[in-house]
C-alpha atoms as a PDB file:
ATOM      1  CA  UNK A   1     -16.295  -9.861  -7.339  1.00  0.00           C
ATOM      2  CA  UNK A   2     -13.165 -11.875  -8.182  1.00  0.00           C
ATOM      3  CA  UNK A   3     -12.312  -9.482 -10.999  1.00  0.00           C
ATOM      4  CA  UNK A   4     -12.541  -6.538  -8.576  1.00  0.00           C
ATOM      5  CA  UNK A   5     -10.227  -8.289  -6.134  1.00  0.00           C
ATOM      6  CA  UNK A   6      -7.662  -8.871  -8.881  1.00  0.00           C
ATOM      7  CA  UNK A   7      -7.826  -5.224  -9.926  1.00  0.00           C
ATOM      8  CA  UNK A   8      -7.471  -4.054  -6.316  1.00  0.00           C
ATOM      9  CA  UNK A   9      -4.532  -6.416  -5.774  1.00  0.00           C
ATOM     10  CA  UNK A  10      -2.723  -5.258  -8.903  1.00  0.00           C
ATOM     11  CA  UNK A  11      -3.273  -1.586  -8.091  1.00  0.00           C
ATOM     12  CA  UNK A  12      -2.246  -2.188  -4.474  1.00  0.00           C
ATOM     13  CA  UNK A  13       1.002  -3.907  -5.398  1.00  0.00           C
ATOM     14  CA  UNK A  14       1.876  -1.123  -7.800  1.00  0.00           C
ATOM     15  CA  UNK A  15       1.085   1.509  -5.194  1.00  0.00           C
ATOM     16  CA  UNK A  16       3.196  -0.274  -2.573  1.00  0.00           C
ATOM     17  CA  UNK A  17       6.126  -0.433  -4.989  1.00  0.00           C
ATOM     18  CA  UNK A  18       5.868   3.294  -5.722  1.00  0.00           C
ATOM     19  CA  UNK A  19       5.479   4.065  -1.999  1.00  0.00           C
ATOM     20  CA  UNK A  20       8.589   2.081  -1.096  1.00  0.00           C
ATOM     21  CA  UNK A  21      10.559   3.736  -3.882  1.00  0.00           C
ATOM     22  CA  UNK A  22       9.391   7.191  -2.770  1.00  0.00           C
ATOM     23  CA  UNK A  23      10.644   6.528   0.766  1.00  0.00           C
ATOM     24  CA  UNK A  24      13.940   5.299  -0.676  1.00  0.00           C
ATOM     25  CA  UNK A  25      14.329   8.453  -2.773  1.00  0.00           C
ATOM     26  CA  UNK A  26      13.414  10.671   0.166  1.00  0.00           C
ATOM     27  CA  UNK A  27      15.712   9.192   2.832  1.00  0.00           C
ATOM     28  CA  UNK A  28      18.240   7.197   0.803  1.00  0.00           C
ATOM     29  CA  UNK A  29      21.758   8.311   1.644  1.00  0.00           C
ATOM     30  CA  UNK A  30      20.599  10.414   4.584  1.00  0.00           C
ATOM     31  CA  UNK A  31      20.206   7.546   7.028  1.00  0.00           C
ATOM     32  CA  UNK A  32      21.742   4.114   7.451  1.00  0.00           C
ATOM     33  CA  UNK A  33      20.635   1.294   5.172  1.00  0.00           C
ATOM     34  CA  UNK A  34      19.002  -0.569   8.066  1.00  0.00           C
ATOM     35  CA  UNK A  35      16.953   2.454   9.085  1.00  0.00           C
ATOM     36  CA  UNK A  36      15.967   3.058   5.475  1.00  0.00           C
ATOM     37  CA  UNK A  37      14.678  -0.513   5.151  1.00  0.00           C
ATOM     38  CA  UNK A  38      12.773  -0.189   8.429  1.00  0.00           C
ATOM     39  CA  UNK A  39      11.169   3.064   7.265  1.00  0.00           C
ATOM     40  CA  UNK A  40      10.188   1.506   3.947  1.00  0.00           C
ATOM     41  CA  UNK A  41       8.579  -1.441   5.750  1.00  0.00           C
ATOM     42  CA  UNK A  42       6.705   0.780   8.206  1.00  0.00           C
ATOM     43  CA  UNK A  43       5.374   3.127   5.524  1.00  0.00           C
ATOM     44  CA  UNK A  44       4.403   0.240   3.230  1.00  0.00           C
ATOM     45  CA  UNK A  45       2.542  -1.567   6.032  1.00  0.00           C
ATOM     46  CA  UNK A  46       0.602   1.604   6.870  1.00  0.00           C
ATOM     47  CA  UNK A  47      -0.193   2.124   3.182  1.00  0.00           C
ATOM     48  CA  UNK A  48      -1.278  -1.522   2.818  1.00  0.00           C
ATOM     49  CA  UNK A  49      -3.685  -1.206   5.746  1.00  0.00           C
ATOM     50  CA  UNK A  50      -5.121   2.003   4.288  1.00  0.00           C
ATOM     51  CA  UNK A  51      -5.585   0.418   0.856  1.00  0.00           C
ATOM     52  CA  UNK A  52      -7.150  -2.711   2.353  1.00  0.00           C
ATOM     53  CA  UNK A  53      -9.637  -0.581   4.268  1.00  0.00           C
ATOM     54  CA  UNK A  54     -10.527   1.398   1.141  1.00  0.00           C
ATOM     55  CA  UNK A  55     -11.000  -1.790  -0.898  1.00  0.00           C
ATOM     56  CA  UNK A  56     -13.137  -3.322   1.875  1.00  0.00           C
ATOM     57  CA  UNK A  57     -15.275  -0.162   1.967  1.00  0.00           C
ATOM     58  CA  UNK A  58     -15.823  -0.238  -1.808  1.00  0.00           C
ATOM     59  CA  UNK A  59     -16.848  -3.901  -1.721  1.00  0.00           C
ATOM     60  CA  UNK A  60     -19.238  -3.242   1.181  1.00  0.00           C
ATOM     61  CA  UNK A  61     -20.846  -0.295  -0.603  1.00  0.00           C
ATOM     62  CA  UNK A  62     -21.262  -2.197  -3.865  1.00  0.00           C
ATOM     63  CA  UNK A  63     -22.797  -5.199  -2.140  1.00  0.00           C
ATOM     64  CA  UNK A  64     -25.422  -2.955  -0.509  1.00  0.00           C
ATOM     65  CA  UNK A  65     -24.417  -3.680   3.069  1.00  0.00           C
ATOM     66  CA  UNK A  66     -23.815  -0.012   3.791  1.00  0.00           C
END
C-alpha cells in the first residue's frame, strides 16, 4: 500500500510538471505572465484532482471495496 502511494505520488508530480510546461509552451508569449501563471495553476489543480480520483479508484478496487 505504501509502495503504491509512493509510485502514484512520483508519477503525479511528473505529470503535473509536464502539464504545467505544456500550458507554458501553449500560451507563453501570447498572454501576460500573470495570466500564464494563473492558467498553469488552474490546469495543474484540475489535473491533480483528476489524478487523485484515479489513484483513489485504483486503491479502492484493489482493496476489494468496489
